[in-house]
Amino acid sequence: MDNSFALDLKAARRKAGLAQEDLAHLLGLTKTTISKIERGVRPVTLPEICALAFIYGKSADRLLTPLWSEAAADLAARLQSLPRPKSQWTSTFNRQHTLTKLGERLASNAERHGQL
């Protein structure tokens, strides 16, 4: 997990004036789990991100921005090294189209976030 995401969560909690115990109670977790999340040791689940968005009054999209960037970078690297299909069977019919569109979306995302 991106450590900046974990630090952003910690900063948001502190800005909201909540203790780790408060957040743990609201999320149904332990204080130790909150500590692990804020240190980047444990990933945050999607339901937890949704709950955090409610708690902090932010959009889930805003909370997810660092994770989107990390996922896009990982996908871009994997797309470059994707092996060729071993056969030309029917289910690979749309493969090239899908991979081309993925590359375009990743490039557009990188351009929007100044990563080119």
N, C-alpha and C. Protein backbone atom coordinates (compact mmCIF):
# COMPACT_ATOMS: atom_id res chain seq x y z
N MET A 1 0.85 -1.18 0.00
CA MET A 1 0.00 0.00 0.00
C MET A 1 0.89 1.24 0.00
N ASP A 2 0.47 2.26 -0.71
CA ASP A 2 1.19 3.51 -0.79
C ASP A 2 1.21 4.16 0.59
N ASN A 3 2.41 4.45 1.11
CA ASN A 3 2.53 5.02 2.44
C ASN A 3 1.90 6.40 2.54
N SER A 4 1.89 7.17 1.43
CA SER A 4 1.28 8.50 1.47
C SER A 4 -0.23 8.38 1.72
N PHE A 5 -0.85 7.31 1.20
CA PHE A 5 -2.27 7.09 1.45
C PHE A 5 -2.50 6.87 2.94
N ALA A 6 -1.66 6.05 3.56
CA ALA A 6 -1.78 5.78 4.99
C ALA A 6 -1.59 7.07 5.80
N LEU A 7 -0.61 7.86 5.41
CA LEU A 7 -0.38 9.13 6.12
C LEU A 7 -1.54 10.10 5.93
N ASP A 8 -2.15 10.10 4.74
CA ASP A 8 -3.32 10.95 4.50
C ASP A 8 -4.48 10.54 5.41
N LEU A 9 -4.65 9.24 5.60
CA LEU A 9 -5.72 8.76 6.49
C LEU A 9 -5.46 9.21 7.93
N LYS A 10 -4.22 9.13 8.35
CA LYS A 10 -3.86 9.56 9.71
C LYS A 10 -4.10 11.06 9.87
N ALA A 11 -3.69 11.83 8.86
CA ALA A 11 -3.89 13.28 8.92
C ALA A 11 -5.38 13.63 8.94
N ALA A 12 -6.18 12.92 8.16
CA ALA A 12 -7.62 13.17 8.14
C ALA A 12 -8.24 12.86 9.50
N ARG A 13 -7.80 11.77 10.12
CA ARG A 13 -8.33 11.42 11.45
C ARG A 13 -7.98 12.50 12.46
N ARG A 14 -6.73 12.94 12.44
CA ARG A 14 -6.31 13.98 13.39
C ARG A 14 -7.04 15.30 13.14
N LYS A 15 -7.19 15.65 11.86
CA LYS A 15 -7.90 16.89 11.52
C LYS A 15 -9.34 16.84 12.01
N ALA A 16 -9.93 15.64 11.97
CA ALA A 16 -11.30 15.46 12.45
C ALA A 16 -11.39 15.43 13.97
N GLY A 17 -10.23 15.42 14.64
CA GLY A 17 -10.21 15.42 16.09
C GLY A 17 -10.55 14.07 16.70
N LEU A 18 -10.37 13.01 15.93
CA LEU A 18 -10.70 11.67 16.41
C LEU A 18 -9.44 10.94 16.87
N ALA A 19 -9.59 10.19 17.94
CA ALA A 19 -8.51 9.31 18.40
C ALA A 19 -8.60 8.01 17.62
N GLN A 20 -7.53 7.24 17.63
CA GLN A 20 -7.56 5.94 16.98
C GLN A 20 -8.68 5.07 17.56
N GLU A 21 -8.90 5.18 18.86
CA GLU A 21 -9.96 4.42 19.51
C GLU A 21 -11.33 4.80 18.95
N ASP A 22 -11.54 6.10 18.71
CA ASP A 22 -12.81 6.57 18.15
C ASP A 22 -13.04 5.94 16.76
N LEU A 23 -12.02 6.05 15.94
CA LEU A 23 -12.14 5.53 14.58
C LEU A 23 -12.32 4.01 14.59
N ALA A 24 -11.59 3.34 15.47
CA ALA A 24 -11.71 1.89 15.59
C ALA A 24 -13.15 1.51 15.94
N HIS A 25 -13.73 2.22 16.87
CA HIS A 25 -15.11 1.92 17.27
C HIS A 25 -16.07 2.15 16.11
N LEU A 26 -15.93 3.28 15.43
CA LEU A 26 -16.83 3.60 14.32
C LEU A 26 -16.73 2.59 13.18
N LEU A 27 -15.52 2.06 12.94
CA LEU A 27 -15.32 1.10 11.85
C LEU A 27 -15.49 -0.35 12.29
N GLY A 28 -15.66 -0.56 13.59
CA GLY A 28 -15.79 -1.92 14.09
C GLY A 28 -14.46 -2.67 14.05
N LEU A 29 -13.38 -1.94 14.25
CA LEU A 29 -12.03 -2.51 14.23
C LEU A 29 -11.37 -2.31 15.59
N THR A 30 -10.15 -2.77 15.71
CA THR A 30 -9.38 -2.53 16.93
C THR A 30 -8.46 -1.34 16.73
N LYS A 31 -8.00 -0.76 17.84
CA LYS A 31 -7.04 0.34 17.77
C LYS A 31 -5.76 -0.12 17.07
N THR A 32 -5.36 -1.36 17.32
CA THR A 32 -4.17 -1.92 16.68
C THR A 32 -4.34 -1.95 15.16
N THR A 33 -5.53 -2.31 14.70
CA THR A 33 -5.79 -2.35 13.26
C THR A 33 -5.70 -0.95 12.66
N ILE A 34 -6.26 0.04 13.35
CA ILE A 34 -6.17 1.42 12.87
C ILE A 34 -4.71 1.84 12.78
N SER A 35 -3.93 1.50 13.78
CA SER A 35 -2.51 1.82 13.77
C SER A 35 -1.81 1.18 12.57
N LYS A 36 -2.13 -0.07 12.29
CA LYS A 36 -1.53 -0.76 11.15
C LYS A 36 -1.93 -0.10 9.83
N ILE A 37 -3.18 0.32 9.73
CA ILE A 37 -3.65 1.01 8.52
C ILE A 37 -2.88 2.32 8.35
N GLU A 38 -2.74 3.07 9.43
CA GLU A 38 -2.09 4.38 9.36
C GLU A 38 -0.58 4.28 9.15
N ARG A 39 0.00 3.11 9.38
CA ARG A 39 1.42 2.90 9.11
C ARG A 39 1.64 2.25 7.75
N GLY A 40 0.55 1.94 7.04
CA GLY A 40 0.66 1.33 5.73
C GLY A 40 0.95 -0.16 5.77
N VAL A 41 0.75 -0.78 6.93
CA VAL A 41 1.02 -2.21 7.09
C VAL A 41 -0.18 -3.04 6.63
N ARG A 42 -1.38 -2.52 6.87
CA ARG A 42 -2.60 -3.23 6.51
C ARG A 42 -3.39 -2.40 5.51
N PRO A 43 -3.81 -3.00 4.40
CA PRO A 43 -4.61 -2.24 3.43
C PRO A 43 -6.01 -1.95 3.96
N VAL A 44 -6.60 -0.92 3.43
CA VAL A 44 -7.97 -0.54 3.79
C VAL A 44 -8.91 -1.24 2.81
N THR A 45 -9.97 -1.82 3.33
CA THR A 45 -10.94 -2.48 2.46
C THR A 45 -11.87 -1.45 1.84
N LEU A 46 -12.54 -1.83 0.79
CA LEU A 46 -13.48 -0.92 0.13
C LEU A 46 -14.61 -0.50 1.08
N PRO A 47 -15.22 -1.42 1.85
CA PRO A 47 -16.24 -0.97 2.80
C PRO A 47 -15.69 0.02 3.83
N GLU A 48 -14.42 -0.15 4.23
CA GLU A 48 -13.82 0.78 5.18
C GLU A 48 -13.61 2.14 4.53
N ILE A 49 -13.23 2.17 3.26
CA ILE A 49 -13.07 3.45 2.55
C ILE A 49 -14.40 4.17 2.46
N CYS A 50 -15.46 3.42 2.19
CA CYS A 50 -16.80 4.03 2.13
C CYS A 50 -17.17 4.63 3.48
N ALA A 51 -16.90 3.89 4.55
CA ALA A 51 -17.20 4.40 5.89
C ALA A 51 -16.36 5.63 6.21
N LEU A 52 -15.08 5.60 5.84
CA LEU A 52 -14.21 6.75 6.09
C LEU A 52 -14.70 7.98 5.33
N ALA A 53 -15.21 7.79 4.14
CA ALA A 53 -15.76 8.91 3.37
C ALA A 53 -16.92 9.55 4.12
N PHE A 54 -17.78 8.73 4.70
CA PHE A 54 -18.88 9.27 5.50
C PHE A 54 -18.35 10.00 6.74
N ILE A 55 -17.42 9.37 7.43
CA ILE A 55 -16.89 9.94 8.67
C ILE A 55 -16.24 11.29 8.41
N TYR A 56 -15.45 11.39 7.35
CA TYR A 56 -14.70 12.61 7.09
C TYR A 56 -15.42 13.59 6.17
N GLY A 57 -16.59 13.19 5.67
CA GLY A 57 -17.35 14.08 4.80
C GLY A 57 -16.66 14.35 3.48
N LYS A 58 -15.96 13.34 2.96
CA LYS A 58 -15.26 13.46 1.68
C LYS A 58 -15.83 12.43 0.71
N SER A 59 -15.58 12.65 -0.56
CA SER A 59 -16.02 11.65 -1.53
C SER A 59 -15.07 10.46 -1.47
N ALA A 60 -15.60 9.29 -1.70
CA ALA A 60 -14.76 8.10 -1.73
C ALA A 60 -13.72 8.23 -2.84
N ASP A 61 -14.09 8.89 -3.93
CA ASP A 61 -13.16 9.09 -5.04
C ASP A 61 -11.93 9.86 -4.57
N ARG A 62 -12.15 10.86 -3.74
CA ARG A 62 -11.02 11.66 -3.25
C ARG A 62 -10.12 10.82 -2.36
N LEU A 63 -10.72 9.95 -1.54
CA LEU A 63 -9.91 9.09 -0.70
C LEU A 63 -9.14 8.06 -1.52
N LEU A 64 -9.71 7.68 -2.66
CA LEU A 64 -9.10 6.64 -3.48
C LEU A 64 -8.03 7.14 -4.45
N THR A 65 -7.90 8.45 -4.62
CA THR A 65 -6.98 9.00 -5.62
C THR A 65 -5.58 8.40 -5.54
N PRO A 66 -4.96 8.30 -4.36
CA PRO A 66 -3.61 7.70 -4.33
C PRO A 66 -3.63 6.24 -4.76
N LEU A 67 -4.69 5.52 -4.42
CA LEU A 67 -4.77 4.11 -4.79
C LEU A 67 -5.00 3.94 -6.28
N TRP A 68 -5.77 4.86 -6.88
CA TRP A 68 -5.99 4.83 -8.33
C TRP A 68 -4.66 5.00 -9.05
N SER A 69 -3.86 5.94 -8.57
CA SER A 69 -2.57 6.21 -9.20
C SER A 69 -1.65 5.00 -9.09
N GLU A 70 -1.64 4.39 -7.92
CA GLU A 70 -0.81 3.20 -7.71
C GLU A 70 -1.26 2.05 -8.61
N ALA A 71 -2.58 1.85 -8.69
CA ALA A 71 -3.12 0.78 -9.53
C ALA A 71 -2.81 1.04 -11.00
N ALA A 72 -2.93 2.29 -11.43
CA ALA A 72 -2.65 2.64 -12.83
C ALA A 72 -1.18 2.39 -13.16
N ALA A 73 -0.28 2.75 -12.27
CA ALA A 73 1.15 2.53 -12.51
C ALA A 73 1.46 1.04 -12.60
N ASP A 74 0.87 0.26 -11.70
CA ASP A 74 1.08 -1.19 -11.72
C ASP A 74 0.54 -1.80 -13.02
N LEU A 75 -0.65 -1.38 -13.42
CA LEU A 75 -1.24 -1.89 -14.66
C LEU A 75 -0.41 -1.52 -15.88
N ALA A 76 0.06 -0.29 -15.92
CA ALA A 76 0.87 0.16 -17.06
C ALA A 76 2.13 -0.69 -17.20
N ALA A 77 2.77 -1.00 -16.09
CA ALA A 77 3.97 -1.84 -16.12
C ALA A 77 3.63 -3.25 -16.58
N ARG A 78 2.54 -3.80 -16.07
CA ARG A 78 2.15 -5.16 -16.45
C ARG A 78 1.68 -5.23 -17.89
N LEU A 79 1.03 -4.17 -18.38
CA LEU A 79 0.57 -4.16 -19.76
C LEU A 79 1.75 -4.26 -20.72
N GLN A 80 2.84 -3.59 -20.38
CA GLN A 80 4.03 -3.61 -21.23
C GLN A 80 4.66 -5.00 -21.33
N SER A 81 4.48 -5.82 -20.29
CA SER A 81 5.12 -7.14 -20.28
C SER A 81 4.12 -8.28 -20.44
N LEU A 82 2.91 -7.97 -20.87
CA LEU A 82 1.89 -9.01 -21.05
C LEU A 82 2.32 -9.99 -22.14
N PRO A 83 2.32 -11.28 -21.82
CA PRO A 83 2.73 -12.25 -22.84
C PRO A 83 1.69 -12.38 -23.95
N ARG A 84 2.16 -12.83 -25.10
CA ARG A 84 1.25 -13.07 -26.23
C ARG A 84 0.39 -14.29 -25.90
N PRO A 85 -0.84 -14.32 -26.42
CA PRO A 85 -1.68 -15.50 -26.19
C PRO A 85 -1.06 -16.72 -26.88
N LYS A 86 -1.23 -17.87 -26.27
CA LYS A 86 -0.66 -19.10 -26.82
C LYS A 86 -1.43 -19.62 -28.02
N SER A 87 -2.68 -19.23 -28.12
CA SER A 87 -3.48 -19.68 -29.26
C SER A 87 -4.45 -18.58 -29.67
N GLN A 88 -5.02 -18.73 -30.84
CA GLN A 88 -6.01 -17.77 -31.34
C GLN A 88 -7.40 -18.38 -31.21
N TRP A 89 -7.85 -18.58 -30.02
CA TRP A 89 -9.17 -19.13 -29.84
C TRP A 89 -10.20 -18.03 -29.66
N THR A 90 -11.43 -18.39 -29.75
CA THR A 90 -12.54 -17.44 -29.81
C THR A 90 -12.55 -16.43 -28.66
N SER A 91 -12.23 -16.87 -27.45
CA SER A 91 -12.35 -15.94 -26.32
C SER A 91 -11.29 -14.84 -26.34
N THR A 92 -10.29 -14.92 -27.21
CA THR A 92 -9.31 -13.84 -27.32
C THR A 92 -9.68 -12.85 -28.42
N PHE A 93 -10.88 -13.01 -28.96
CA PHE A 93 -11.34 -12.17 -30.07
C PHE A 93 -11.22 -10.68 -29.76
N ASN A 94 -11.65 -10.26 -28.57
CA ASN A 94 -11.63 -8.84 -28.22
C ASN A 94 -10.38 -8.45 -27.43
N ARG A 95 -9.44 -9.36 -27.29
CA ARG A 95 -8.27 -9.12 -26.46
C ARG A 95 -7.51 -7.86 -26.88
N GLN A 96 -7.16 -7.76 -28.14
CA GLN A 96 -6.38 -6.61 -28.60
C GLN A 96 -7.13 -5.30 -28.41
N HIS A 97 -8.42 -5.31 -28.69
CA HIS A 97 -9.25 -4.12 -28.48
C HIS A 97 -9.23 -3.71 -27.00
N THR A 98 -9.43 -4.69 -26.12
CA THR A 98 -9.45 -4.42 -24.68
C THR A 98 -8.10 -3.87 -24.22
N LEU A 99 -7.01 -4.47 -24.68
CA LEU A 99 -5.68 -4.02 -24.28
C LEU A 99 -5.34 -2.64 -24.84
N THR A 100 -5.77 -2.36 -26.05
CA THR A 100 -5.56 -1.03 -26.63
C THR A 100 -6.31 0.02 -25.83
N LYS A 101 -7.57 -0.26 -25.51
CA LYS A 101 -8.38 0.69 -24.73
C LYS A 101 -7.80 0.90 -23.34
N LEU A 102 -7.30 -0.19 -22.72
CA LEU A 102 -6.66 -0.07 -21.41
C LEU A 102 -5.46 0.86 -21.50
N GLY A 103 -4.63 0.68 -22.50
CA GLY A 103 -3.48 1.56 -22.69
C GLY A 103 -3.89 3.02 -22.86
N GLU A 104 -4.95 3.25 -23.61
CA GLU A 104 -5.45 4.62 -23.80
C GLU A 104 -5.95 5.22 -22.48
N ARG A 105 -6.69 4.43 -21.70
CA ARG A 105 -7.19 4.92 -20.41
C ARG A 105 -6.04 5.23 -19.45
N LEU A 106 -5.02 4.36 -19.44
CA LEU A 106 -3.87 4.59 -18.57
C LEU A 106 -3.12 5.85 -18.99
N ALA A 107 -2.94 6.06 -20.29
CA ALA A 107 -2.26 7.25 -20.78
C ALA A 107 -3.06 8.51 -20.44
N SER A 108 -4.37 8.45 -20.60
CA SER A 108 -5.22 9.59 -20.27
C SER A 108 -5.15 9.89 -18.78
N ASN A 109 -5.17 8.86 -17.97
CA ASN A 109 -5.08 9.03 -16.52
C ASN A 109 -3.75 9.66 -16.14
N ALA A 110 -2.67 9.19 -16.74
CA ALA A 110 -1.35 9.74 -16.45
C ALA A 110 -1.26 11.20 -16.89
N GLU A 111 -1.85 11.52 -18.03
CA GLU A 111 -1.85 12.90 -18.53
C GLU A 111 -2.62 13.81 -17.58
N ARG A 112 -3.78 13.35 -17.11
CA ARG A 112 -4.60 14.14 -16.18
C ARG A 112 -3.87 14.41 -14.88
N HIS A 113 -3.06 13.46 -14.46
CA HIS A 113 -2.37 13.59 -13.17
C HIS A 113 -0.92 14.03 -13.33
N GLY A 114 -0.57 14.51 -14.52
CA GLY A 114 0.76 15.05 -14.76
C GLY A 114 1.88 14.04 -14.61
N GLN A 115 1.61 12.80 -15.02
CA GLN A 115 2.60 11.75 -14.85
C GLN A 115 3.31 11.39 -16.15
N LEU A 116 3.08 12.13 -17.21
CA LEU A 116 3.76 11.85 -18.48
C LEU A 116 5.00 12.67 -18.64
